[in-house]
Amino acid sequence: MVTRRVCFSLHSNIQGKYLSPFTRNVTFVLSLLLLLPSVAIVAAPPPGPNISTPSISPSTPGPSDQVTVTATVTAGNSGLLNVTLVYSTDNWKASNTTVVASYNSTSQQATAHIPPQYNGGHVEYYIVAFDGNGNKAVNPTKGTYFSYTVTAPPAGTTTNTWIELALVAATLGVGGTIAFYSLRPKTKAGSASTSQS
């Protein structure tokens, strides 16, 4: 059996000399230790923003409620560049709207507002964040969305409002007429005015 020895060229002063098994093992371990940090850097996912599950206020919005969406957004040492909220009221068929969120770096809270949905309906939304290195995060992922439903206003709300306004106007008119007749000067029943020439 032929044993082969490996010759390492670490430095010019040991070039051509064989290393002992102990020295070879130490050299191997040291080279692994030097190589591991670079492997960890390459294998680690890029540090990007992290977006929590948002909350909405009010939790069950009505047709005249502006909805406030709040989420915790963190970024690594690069800091946060911006946070936006994208929403749709037509199931992403024809349009969507992007709203720039305000961001409090102390509390790491991003806040955006979705305007009232006066006719009711279903609202779907997602949040996008970019850090200072250009890394992007989207919550939720994989084509799903956060959502809430706004109940439509009762059908008679508009009609009832006009009826109420008409009743108020009529009441004011009747009250004004009564006040006018009760405050005008009264003439005596048997007196007639005569003019002398």
N, C-alpha and C. Protein backbone atom coordinates (compact mmCIF):
# COMPACT_ATOMS: atom_id res chain seq x y z
N MET A 1 0.84 -1.17 0.00
CA MET A 1 0.00 0.00 0.00
C MET A 1 0.89 1.23 0.00
N VAL A 2 0.51 2.16 -0.87
CA VAL A 2 1.31 3.37 -1.00
C VAL A 2 0.60 4.48 -0.25
N THR A 3 1.30 5.14 0.62
CA THR A 3 0.75 6.27 1.36
C THR A 3 1.24 7.54 0.70
N ARG A 4 0.30 8.41 0.50
CA ARG A 4 0.65 9.66 -0.13
C ARG A 4 0.63 10.77 0.89
N ARG A 5 1.61 11.59 0.86
CA ARG A 5 1.66 12.73 1.76
C ARG A 5 1.32 13.98 0.98
N VAL A 6 0.59 14.84 1.63
CA VAL A 6 0.17 16.09 0.99
C VAL A 6 1.14 17.17 1.38
N CYS A 7 1.52 17.92 0.42
CA CYS A 7 2.46 19.01 0.68
C CYS A 7 1.69 20.32 0.62
N PHE A 8 1.72 21.08 1.68
CA PHE A 8 1.06 22.39 1.73
C PHE A 8 2.08 23.47 1.49
N SER A 9 1.72 24.45 0.75
CA SER A 9 2.61 25.58 0.53
C SER A 9 2.05 26.77 1.29
N LEU A 10 2.24 26.77 2.59
CA LEU A 10 1.73 27.86 3.39
C LEU A 10 2.63 29.08 3.31
N HIS A 11 3.90 28.88 3.48
CA HIS A 11 4.85 29.98 3.42
C HIS A 11 6.06 29.49 2.66
N SER A 12 6.84 30.42 2.19
CA SER A 12 8.00 30.03 1.39
C SER A 12 9.04 29.28 2.23
N ASN A 13 9.09 29.50 3.55
CA ASN A 13 10.10 28.82 4.35
C ASN A 13 9.75 27.36 4.63
N ILE A 14 8.49 26.92 4.42
CA ILE A 14 8.17 25.51 4.62
C ILE A 14 7.81 24.84 3.29
N GLN A 15 8.02 25.55 2.23
CA GLN A 15 7.67 25.01 0.92
C GLN A 15 8.47 23.75 0.64
N GLY A 16 7.77 22.73 0.19
CA GLY A 16 8.42 21.47 -0.11
C GLY A 16 8.59 20.55 1.07
N LYS A 17 8.26 20.97 2.26
CA LYS A 17 8.39 20.12 3.45
C LYS A 17 7.03 19.55 3.79
N TYR A 18 7.02 18.36 4.29
CA TYR A 18 5.79 17.70 4.70
C TYR A 18 5.40 18.12 6.10
N LEU A 19 4.05 18.28 6.30
CA LEU A 19 3.54 18.67 7.61
C LEU A 19 3.14 17.43 8.38
N SER A 20 3.29 17.52 9.68
CA SER A 20 2.89 16.39 10.52
C SER A 20 1.36 16.31 10.55
N PRO A 21 0.80 15.15 10.90
CA PRO A 21 -0.66 15.02 10.98
C PRO A 21 -1.27 16.05 11.93
N PHE A 22 -0.66 16.36 13.04
CA PHE A 22 -1.16 17.36 13.98
C PHE A 22 -1.22 18.72 13.31
N THR A 23 -0.14 19.09 12.62
CA THR A 23 -0.08 20.39 11.97
C THR A 23 -1.12 20.47 10.85
N ARG A 24 -1.29 19.37 10.10
CA ARG A 24 -2.31 19.35 9.07
C ARG A 24 -3.70 19.54 9.66
N ASN A 25 -4.00 18.88 10.77
CA ASN A 25 -5.30 19.02 11.41
C ASN A 25 -5.53 20.44 11.93
N VAL A 26 -4.53 21.00 12.54
CA VAL A 26 -4.63 22.38 13.04
C VAL A 26 -4.84 23.33 11.87
N THR A 27 -4.11 23.12 10.79
CA THR A 27 -4.25 23.97 9.61
C THR A 27 -5.66 23.84 9.03
N PHE A 28 -6.18 22.63 8.99
CA PHE A 28 -7.52 22.41 8.48
C PHE A 28 -8.56 23.11 9.34
N VAL A 29 -8.46 22.97 10.65
CA VAL A 29 -9.42 23.60 11.55
C VAL A 29 -9.34 25.11 11.45
N LEU A 30 -8.14 25.67 11.39
CA LEU A 30 -7.98 27.12 11.27
C LEU A 30 -8.56 27.63 9.96
N SER A 31 -8.34 26.90 8.88
CA SER A 31 -8.90 27.35 7.60
C SER A 31 -10.42 27.29 7.62
N LEU A 32 -11.00 26.27 8.29
CA LEU A 32 -12.45 26.22 8.43
C LEU A 32 -12.97 27.39 9.25
N LEU A 33 -12.27 27.70 10.33
CA LEU A 33 -12.70 28.81 11.17
C LEU A 33 -12.63 30.13 10.41
N LEU A 34 -11.67 30.28 9.54
CA LEU A 34 -11.58 31.49 8.74
C LEU A 34 -12.64 31.52 7.63
N LEU A 35 -13.04 30.37 7.16
CA LEU A 35 -13.99 30.28 6.07
C LEU A 35 -15.44 30.38 6.54
N LEU A 36 -15.76 29.93 7.74
CA LEU A 36 -17.14 29.90 8.23
C LEU A 36 -17.83 31.27 8.24
N PRO A 37 -17.18 32.34 8.69
CA PRO A 37 -17.89 33.63 8.66
C PRO A 37 -18.30 34.04 7.26
N SER A 38 -17.48 33.78 6.27
CA SER A 38 -17.86 34.15 4.91
C SER A 38 -19.00 33.29 4.41
N VAL A 39 -19.05 32.01 4.80
CA VAL A 39 -20.17 31.15 4.42
C VAL A 39 -21.44 31.63 5.11
N ALA A 40 -21.34 32.01 6.37
CA ALA A 40 -22.51 32.50 7.10
C ALA A 40 -23.04 33.78 6.49
N ILE A 41 -22.18 34.65 6.04
CA ILE A 41 -22.62 35.90 5.43
C ILE A 41 -23.34 35.62 4.11
N VAL A 42 -22.80 34.71 3.32
CA VAL A 42 -23.42 34.38 2.05
C VAL A 42 -24.73 33.64 2.25
N ALA A 43 -24.80 32.75 3.22
CA ALA A 43 -25.98 31.92 3.42
C ALA A 43 -27.08 32.64 4.18
N ALA A 44 -26.77 33.67 4.93
CA ALA A 44 -27.77 34.36 5.73
C ALA A 44 -28.71 35.14 4.83
N PRO A 45 -29.99 35.18 5.17
CA PRO A 45 -30.92 35.97 4.37
C PRO A 45 -30.60 37.45 4.51
N PRO A 46 -30.85 38.22 3.49
CA PRO A 46 -30.55 39.64 3.59
C PRO A 46 -31.41 40.28 4.67
N PRO A 47 -30.79 41.12 5.48
CA PRO A 47 -31.59 41.78 6.52
C PRO A 47 -32.51 42.80 5.87
N GLY A 48 -33.77 42.59 5.99
CA GLY A 48 -34.76 43.51 5.41
C GLY A 48 -35.75 43.92 6.46
N PRO A 49 -36.70 44.75 6.08
CA PRO A 49 -37.73 45.18 7.04
C PRO A 49 -38.58 44.00 7.49
N ASN A 50 -39.13 44.12 8.66
CA ASN A 50 -40.05 43.13 9.21
C ASN A 50 -41.35 43.86 9.54
N ILE A 51 -42.47 43.36 9.02
CA ILE A 51 -43.77 44.01 9.21
C ILE A 51 -44.66 43.09 10.04
N SER A 52 -45.20 43.62 11.13
CA SER A 52 -46.10 42.82 11.97
C SER A 52 -47.48 42.76 11.33
N THR A 53 -48.33 41.92 11.90
CA THR A 53 -49.72 41.87 11.47
C THR A 53 -50.39 43.17 11.90
N PRO A 54 -51.02 43.88 10.97
CA PRO A 54 -51.60 45.19 11.32
C PRO A 54 -52.89 45.07 12.11
N SER A 55 -53.24 46.17 12.75
CA SER A 55 -54.54 46.27 13.42
C SER A 55 -55.29 47.44 12.80
N ILE A 56 -56.62 47.40 12.86
CA ILE A 56 -57.42 48.50 12.32
C ILE A 56 -58.26 49.10 13.43
N SER A 57 -58.56 50.37 13.26
CA SER A 57 -59.41 51.07 14.21
C SER A 57 -60.34 51.99 13.41
N PRO A 58 -61.64 51.89 13.61
CA PRO A 58 -62.37 50.98 14.48
C PRO A 58 -62.31 49.55 13.95
N SER A 59 -62.49 48.61 14.84
CA SER A 59 -62.35 47.21 14.45
C SER A 59 -63.48 46.74 13.55
N THR A 60 -64.66 47.33 13.65
CA THR A 60 -65.77 47.05 12.74
C THR A 60 -66.26 48.38 12.18
N PRO A 61 -65.62 48.84 11.11
CA PRO A 61 -65.94 50.18 10.60
C PRO A 61 -67.32 50.26 9.95
N GLY A 62 -67.93 51.42 10.14
CA GLY A 62 -69.20 51.72 9.50
C GLY A 62 -68.96 52.53 8.23
N PRO A 63 -70.02 52.88 7.51
CA PRO A 63 -69.86 53.56 6.23
C PRO A 63 -69.24 54.95 6.32
N SER A 64 -69.33 55.59 7.46
CA SER A 64 -68.75 56.93 7.57
C SER A 64 -67.45 56.96 8.37
N ASP A 65 -66.87 55.78 8.64
CA ASP A 65 -65.65 55.70 9.44
C ASP A 65 -64.40 55.67 8.58
N GLN A 66 -63.46 56.56 8.89
CA GLN A 66 -62.12 56.45 8.32
C GLN A 66 -61.40 55.36 9.11
N VAL A 67 -60.74 54.44 8.41
CA VAL A 67 -60.08 53.31 9.07
C VAL A 67 -58.60 53.62 9.22
N THR A 68 -58.09 53.49 10.44
CA THR A 68 -56.67 53.69 10.71
C THR A 68 -56.01 52.32 10.80
N VAL A 69 -55.01 52.10 9.95
CA VAL A 69 -54.26 50.84 9.93
C VAL A 69 -52.91 51.09 10.58
N THR A 70 -52.57 50.29 11.58
CA THR A 70 -51.32 50.45 12.31
C THR A 70 -50.56 49.13 12.33
N ALA A 71 -49.25 49.20 12.07
CA ALA A 71 -48.40 48.01 12.12
C ALA A 71 -47.03 48.39 12.66
N THR A 72 -46.38 47.46 13.32
CA THR A 72 -45.00 47.67 13.77
C THR A 72 -44.09 47.25 12.63
N VAL A 73 -43.19 48.16 12.23
CA VAL A 73 -42.27 47.89 11.13
C VAL A 73 -40.86 48.15 11.64
N THR A 74 -40.01 47.13 11.55
CA THR A 74 -38.63 47.26 12.00
C THR A 74 -37.70 47.03 10.82
N ALA A 75 -36.53 47.65 10.91
CA ALA A 75 -35.48 47.45 9.91
C ALA A 75 -34.17 47.36 10.66
N GLY A 76 -33.20 46.75 10.04
CA GLY A 76 -31.89 46.59 10.67
C GLY A 76 -31.18 47.93 10.81
N ASN A 77 -29.88 47.89 10.78
CA ASN A 77 -29.07 49.09 10.96
C ASN A 77 -29.24 50.09 9.82
N SER A 78 -29.76 49.63 8.68
CA SER A 78 -29.89 50.54 7.54
C SER A 78 -31.04 51.51 7.70
N GLY A 79 -31.93 51.27 8.63
CA GLY A 79 -33.07 52.16 8.84
C GLY A 79 -34.16 51.91 7.84
N LEU A 80 -35.29 52.54 8.06
CA LEU A 80 -36.45 52.37 7.21
C LEU A 80 -36.54 53.51 6.23
N LEU A 81 -36.74 53.19 4.95
CA LEU A 81 -36.84 54.22 3.91
C LEU A 81 -38.28 54.70 3.80
N ASN A 82 -39.23 53.78 3.61
CA ASN A 82 -40.64 54.17 3.58
C ASN A 82 -41.55 52.97 3.81
N VAL A 83 -42.79 53.28 4.16
CA VAL A 83 -43.83 52.28 4.36
C VAL A 83 -45.07 52.78 3.63
N THR A 84 -45.68 51.89 2.83
CA THR A 84 -46.90 52.25 2.12
C THR A 84 -47.96 51.20 2.36
N LEU A 85 -49.20 51.62 2.23
CA LEU A 85 -50.34 50.73 2.32
C LEU A 85 -51.03 50.78 0.96
N VAL A 86 -51.31 49.62 0.39
CA VAL A 86 -51.99 49.54 -0.89
C VAL A 86 -53.33 48.86 -0.64
N TYR A 87 -54.43 49.51 -1.11
CA TYR A 87 -55.74 48.91 -0.86
C TYR A 87 -56.61 48.96 -2.11
N SER A 88 -57.63 48.09 -2.11
CA SER A 88 -58.58 48.02 -3.21
C SER A 88 -59.97 47.85 -2.65
N THR A 89 -60.94 48.48 -3.32
CA THR A 89 -62.34 48.32 -2.93
C THR A 89 -63.13 47.54 -3.98
N ASP A 90 -62.44 47.07 -5.04
CA ASP A 90 -63.13 46.31 -6.09
C ASP A 90 -62.47 44.97 -6.37
N ASN A 91 -61.89 44.38 -5.34
CA ASN A 91 -61.24 43.07 -5.44
C ASN A 91 -60.10 43.07 -6.47
N TRP A 92 -59.37 44.18 -6.55
CA TRP A 92 -58.19 44.33 -7.41
C TRP A 92 -58.53 44.23 -8.90
N LYS A 93 -59.79 44.49 -9.27
CA LYS A 93 -60.19 44.35 -10.67
C LYS A 93 -59.78 45.56 -11.50
N ALA A 94 -60.16 46.74 -11.08
CA ALA A 94 -59.93 47.92 -11.90
C ALA A 94 -58.93 48.89 -11.30
N SER A 95 -58.92 49.00 -9.99
CA SER A 95 -58.05 50.02 -9.41
C SER A 95 -57.60 49.62 -8.02
N ASN A 96 -56.51 50.27 -7.62
CA ASN A 96 -56.06 50.19 -6.24
C ASN A 96 -55.46 51.53 -5.90
N THR A 97 -55.32 51.79 -4.63
CA THR A 97 -54.81 53.07 -4.15
C THR A 97 -53.64 52.82 -3.22
N THR A 98 -52.58 53.63 -3.39
CA THR A 98 -51.41 53.54 -2.53
C THR A 98 -51.39 54.75 -1.61
N VAL A 99 -51.22 54.49 -0.33
CA VAL A 99 -51.18 55.55 0.68
C VAL A 99 -49.84 55.46 1.39
N VAL A 100 -49.13 56.58 1.48
CA VAL A 100 -47.86 56.61 2.22
C VAL A 100 -48.18 56.68 3.70
N ALA A 101 -47.61 55.77 4.46
CA ALA A 101 -47.87 55.72 5.90
C ALA A 101 -46.92 56.67 6.63
N SER A 102 -47.40 57.21 7.73
CA SER A 102 -46.50 57.95 8.62
C SER A 102 -45.77 56.93 9.48
N TYR A 103 -44.54 57.28 9.88
CA TYR A 103 -43.74 56.32 10.64
C TYR A 103 -43.11 57.01 11.84
N ASN A 104 -43.28 56.41 13.01
CA ASN A 104 -42.66 56.89 14.24
C ASN A 104 -41.47 55.98 14.54
N SER A 105 -40.26 56.49 14.38
CA SER A 105 -39.07 55.65 14.54
C SER A 105 -38.84 55.24 16.00
N THR A 106 -39.38 55.98 16.93
CA THR A 106 -39.23 55.62 18.34
C THR A 106 -40.09 54.40 18.69
N SER A 107 -41.36 54.45 18.32
CA SER A 107 -42.26 53.33 18.61
C SER A 107 -42.26 52.29 17.50
N GLN A 108 -41.64 52.62 16.36
CA GLN A 108 -41.58 51.76 15.18
C GLN A 108 -42.97 51.43 14.65
N GLN A 109 -43.89 52.38 14.81
CA GLN A 109 -45.27 52.21 14.35
C GLN A 109 -45.49 52.96 13.03
N ALA A 110 -46.02 52.24 12.05
CA ALA A 110 -46.43 52.85 10.79
C ALA A 110 -47.95 52.96 10.82
N THR A 111 -48.46 54.13 10.39
CA THR A 111 -49.90 54.38 10.43
C THR A 111 -50.35 54.94 9.10
N ALA A 112 -51.41 54.36 8.56
CA ALA A 112 -52.01 54.85 7.31
C ALA A 112 -53.52 54.88 7.48
N HIS A 113 -54.18 55.68 6.64
CA HIS A 113 -55.63 55.84 6.75
C HIS A 113 -56.31 55.45 5.44
N ILE A 114 -57.38 54.70 5.56
CA ILE A 114 -58.24 54.36 4.43
C ILE A 114 -59.52 55.17 4.61
N PRO A 115 -59.91 55.94 3.58
CA PRO A 115 -61.08 56.81 3.74
C PRO A 115 -62.38 56.02 3.93
N PRO A 116 -63.43 56.71 4.40
CA PRO A 116 -64.72 56.04 4.61
C PRO A 116 -65.25 55.45 3.31
N GLN A 117 -65.94 54.35 3.44
CA GLN A 117 -66.61 53.69 2.30
C GLN A 117 -68.11 53.93 2.49
N TYR A 118 -68.57 55.09 2.00
CA TYR A 118 -69.94 55.54 2.27
C TYR A 118 -71.01 54.58 1.76
N ASN A 119 -70.72 53.81 0.73
CA ASN A 119 -71.71 52.87 0.20
C ASN A 119 -71.48 51.46 0.71
N GLY A 120 -70.59 51.30 1.69
CA GLY A 120 -70.27 49.98 2.19
C GLY A 120 -69.34 49.26 1.23
N GLY A 121 -69.04 48.00 1.52
CA GLY A 121 -68.21 47.22 0.62
C GLY A 121 -67.11 46.47 1.35
N HIS A 122 -66.28 45.81 0.55
CA HIS A 122 -65.19 44.98 1.06
C HIS A 122 -63.87 45.66 0.70
N VAL A 123 -62.99 45.84 1.67
CA VAL A 123 -61.69 46.49 1.46
C VAL A 123 -60.59 45.46 1.71
N GLU A 124 -59.67 45.33 0.76
CA GLU A 124 -58.51 44.46 0.93
C GLU A 124 -57.26 45.33 0.86
N TYR A 125 -56.23 44.97 1.65
CA TYR A 125 -55.02 45.80 1.68
C TYR A 125 -53.81 44.96 2.05
N TYR A 126 -52.64 45.52 1.71
CA TYR A 126 -51.37 44.95 2.15
C TYR A 126 -50.40 46.08 2.41
N ILE A 127 -49.30 45.77 3.10
CA ILE A 127 -48.32 46.77 3.50
C ILE A 127 -46.98 46.44 2.86
N VAL A 128 -46.29 47.47 2.37
CA VAL A 128 -44.97 47.33 1.74
C VAL A 128 -44.00 48.24 2.49
N ALA A 129 -42.78 47.74 2.77
CA ALA A 129 -41.76 48.54 3.43
C ALA A 129 -40.42 48.35 2.72
N PHE A 130 -39.64 49.42 2.63
CA PHE A 130 -38.29 49.38 2.08
C PHE A 130 -37.32 49.91 3.13
N ASP A 131 -36.16 49.23 3.26
CA ASP A 131 -35.15 49.75 4.17
C ASP A 131 -34.13 50.56 3.39
N GLY A 132 -33.15 51.12 4.10
CA GLY A 132 -32.13 51.97 3.48
C GLY A 132 -31.24 51.25 2.48
N ASN A 133 -31.19 49.92 2.52
CA ASN A 133 -30.39 49.15 1.56
C ASN A 133 -31.20 48.72 0.35
N GLY A 134 -32.47 49.13 0.28
CA GLY A 134 -33.31 48.76 -0.85
C GLY A 134 -34.00 47.43 -0.69
N ASN A 135 -33.88 46.79 0.47
CA ASN A 135 -34.58 45.53 0.70
C ASN A 135 -36.07 45.81 0.87
N LYS A 136 -36.90 44.94 0.31
CA LYS A 136 -38.35 45.12 0.32
C LYS A 136 -39.01 44.02 1.13
N ALA A 137 -40.04 44.40 1.88
CA ALA A 137 -40.85 43.43 2.60
C ALA A 137 -42.31 43.72 2.30
N VAL A 138 -43.11 42.67 2.14
CA VAL A 138 -44.54 42.80 1.90
C VAL A 138 -45.26 41.93 2.91
N ASN A 139 -46.30 42.46 3.52
CA ASN A 139 -47.10 41.68 4.46
C ASN A 139 -48.57 41.91 4.13
N PRO A 140 -49.36 40.90 3.86
CA PRO A 140 -49.01 39.50 3.81
C PRO A 140 -48.36 39.14 2.48
N THR A 141 -47.79 37.96 2.42
CA THR A 141 -47.10 37.50 1.23
C THR A 141 -47.98 36.51 0.46
N LYS A 142 -47.49 36.07 -0.65
CA LYS A 142 -48.10 35.01 -1.47
C LYS A 142 -49.48 35.38 -1.99
N GLY A 143 -49.71 36.64 -2.33
CA GLY A 143 -50.96 37.03 -2.97
C GLY A 143 -52.19 37.05 -2.09
N THR A 144 -52.01 36.98 -0.79
CA THR A 144 -53.14 37.11 0.13
C THR A 144 -53.20 38.54 0.63
N TYR A 145 -54.32 38.91 1.21
CA TYR A 145 -54.50 40.29 1.65
C TYR A 145 -55.18 40.31 3.01
N PHE A 146 -54.95 41.41 3.74
CA PHE A 146 -55.74 41.69 4.92
C PHE A 146 -57.04 42.31 4.41
N SER A 147 -58.12 42.18 5.15
CA SER A 147 -59.38 42.73 4.67
C SER A 147 -60.34 43.04 5.81
N TYR A 148 -61.33 43.85 5.48
CA TYR A 148 -62.45 44.11 6.37
C TYR A 148 -63.65 44.47 5.51
N THR A 149 -64.83 44.33 6.08
CA THR A 149 -66.07 44.63 5.36
C THR A 149 -66.79 45.76 6.05
N VAL A 150 -67.26 46.70 5.23
CA VAL A 150 -68.04 47.83 5.73
C VAL A 150 -69.49 47.56 5.36
N THR A 151 -70.37 47.57 6.36
CA THR A 151 -71.78 47.32 6.08
C THR A 151 -72.36 48.54 5.36
N ALA A 152 -73.26 48.28 4.43
CA ALA A 152 -73.90 49.36 3.68
C ALA A 152 -74.84 50.12 4.63
N PRO A 153 -74.99 51.42 4.39
CA PRO A 153 -75.92 52.18 5.24
C PRO A 153 -77.35 51.72 4.99
N PRO A 154 -78.23 51.88 5.97
CA PRO A 154 -79.62 51.51 5.75
C PRO A 154 -80.20 52.27 4.56
N ALA A 155 -81.08 51.63 3.82
CA ALA A 155 -81.61 52.22 2.58
C ALA A 155 -82.34 53.53 2.81
N GLY A 156 -83.05 53.67 3.91
CA GLY A 156 -83.85 54.87 4.15
C GLY A 156 -83.09 56.01 4.80
N THR A 157 -81.82 55.90 5.02
CA THR A 157 -81.07 56.92 5.75
C THR A 157 -81.15 58.27 5.05
N THR A 158 -80.94 58.31 3.76
CA THR A 158 -80.95 59.57 3.04
C THR A 158 -82.35 60.16 3.03
N THR A 159 -83.36 59.34 2.78
CA THR A 159 -84.75 59.82 2.74
C THR A 159 -85.16 60.33 4.12
N ASN A 160 -84.82 59.59 5.16
CA ASN A 160 -85.18 60.02 6.51
C ASN A 160 -84.55 61.36 6.85
N THR A 161 -83.35 61.60 6.39
CA THR A 161 -82.70 62.87 6.67
C THR A 161 -83.46 64.02 6.03
N TRP A 162 -83.89 63.85 4.78
CA TRP A 162 -84.65 64.91 4.11
C TRP A 162 -86.01 65.12 4.78
N ILE A 163 -86.64 64.06 5.21
CA ILE A 163 -87.92 64.19 5.92
C ILE A 163 -87.72 64.95 7.21
N GLU A 164 -86.66 64.63 7.94
CA GLU A 164 -86.38 65.33 9.19
C GLU A 164 -86.12 66.81 8.95
N LEU A 165 -85.37 67.14 7.90
CA LEU A 165 -85.12 68.54 7.58
C LEU A 165 -86.41 69.27 7.20
N ALA A 166 -87.28 68.62 6.45
CA ALA A 166 -88.56 69.23 6.08
C ALA A 166 -89.42 69.48 7.30
N LEU A 167 -89.44 68.51 8.24
CA LEU A 167 -90.22 68.71 9.47
C LEU A 167 -89.68 69.87 10.31
N VAL A 168 -88.36 69.98 10.38
CA VAL A 168 -87.77 71.10 11.12
C VAL A 168 -88.14 72.42 10.46
N ALA A 169 -88.06 72.50 9.12
CA ALA A 169 -88.40 73.73 8.41
C ALA A 169 -89.87 74.08 8.60
N ALA A 170 -90.74 73.08 8.55
CA ALA A 170 -92.17 73.33 8.74
C ALA A 170 -92.45 73.82 10.15
N THR A 171 -91.79 73.21 11.12
CA THR A 171 -91.98 73.63 12.52
C THR A 171 -91.53 75.07 12.71
N LEU A 172 -90.40 75.40 12.13
CA LEU A 172 -89.92 76.78 12.24
C LEU A 172 -90.88 77.75 11.54
N GLY A 173 -91.41 77.34 10.39
CA GLY A 173 -92.37 78.19 9.67
C GLY A 173 -93.64 78.42 10.48
N VAL A 174 -94.20 77.37 11.05
CA VAL A 174 -95.42 77.50 11.87
C VAL A 174 -95.13 78.35 13.10
N GLY A 175 -93.99 78.10 13.73
CA GLY A 175 -93.63 78.89 14.91
C GLY A 175 -93.43 80.35 14.57
N GLY A 176 -92.84 80.64 13.44
CA GLY A 176 -92.64 82.03 13.01
C GLY A 176 -93.95 82.71 12.70
N THR A 177 -94.87 81.99 12.07
CA THR A 177 -96.20 82.57 11.75
C THR A 177 -96.95 82.89 13.03
N ILE A 178 -96.96 81.98 13.98
CA ILE A 178 -97.64 82.22 15.26
C ILE A 178 -97.01 83.41 15.97
N ALA A 179 -95.71 83.50 15.97
CA ALA A 179 -95.04 84.62 16.62
C ALA A 179 -95.39 85.94 15.94
N PHE A 180 -95.45 85.93 14.60
CA PHE A 180 -95.75 87.15 13.85
C PHE A 180 -97.15 87.64 14.18
N TYR A 181 -98.15 86.74 14.19
CA TYR A 181 -99.52 87.14 14.47
C TYR A 181 -99.73 87.51 15.92
N SER A 182 -99.01 86.90 16.82
CA SER A 182 -99.21 87.23 18.23
C SER A 182 -98.50 88.50 18.63
N LEU A 183 -97.51 88.93 17.91
CA LEU A 183 -96.76 90.12 18.28
C LEU A 183 -97.20 91.37 17.51
N ARG A 184 -98.02 91.26 16.49
CA ARG A 184 -98.42 92.45 15.72
C ARG A 184 -99.42 93.27 16.53
N PRO A 185 -99.45 94.54 16.28
CA PRO A 185 -100.39 95.38 17.04
C PRO A 185 -101.85 95.03 16.70
N LYS A 186 -102.68 95.09 17.69
CA LYS A 186 -104.08 94.69 17.51
C LYS A 186 -104.93 95.96 17.38
N THR A 187 -105.88 95.89 16.51
CA THR A 187 -106.83 97.01 16.36
C THR A 187 -108.08 96.69 17.17
N LYS A 188 -108.74 97.75 17.66
CA LYS A 188 -109.95 97.54 18.47
C LYS A 188 -111.12 97.24 17.54
N ALA A 189 -111.99 96.43 17.99
CA ALA A 189 -113.07 95.93 17.13
C ALA A 189 -114.06 97.03 16.76
N GLY A 190 -114.44 97.93 17.52
CA GLY A 190 -115.48 98.92 17.20
C GLY A 190 -114.92 100.22 16.73
N SER A 191 -113.71 100.39 16.67
CA SER A 191 -113.20 101.69 16.32
C SER A 191 -112.95 101.77 14.83
N ALA A 192 -113.25 102.89 14.32
CA ALA A 192 -113.00 103.13 12.91
C ALA A 192 -112.20 104.41 12.82
N SER A 193 -111.39 104.44 11.94
CA SER A 193 -110.57 105.64 11.83
C SER A 193 -111.30 106.63 10.93
N THR A 194 -111.38 107.82 11.36
CA THR A 194 -112.01 108.85 10.57
C THR A 194 -110.99 109.92 10.27
N SER A 195 -111.13 110.40 9.15
CA SER A 195 -110.20 111.47 8.80
C SER A 195 -110.98 112.77 8.72
N GLN A 196 -110.41 113.78 9.16
CA GLN A 196 -111.06 115.08 9.12
C GLN A 196 -110.41 115.90 8.06
N SER A 197 -111.23 116.55 7.32
CA SER A 197 -110.67 117.37 6.28
C SER A 197 -110.88 118.81 6.59
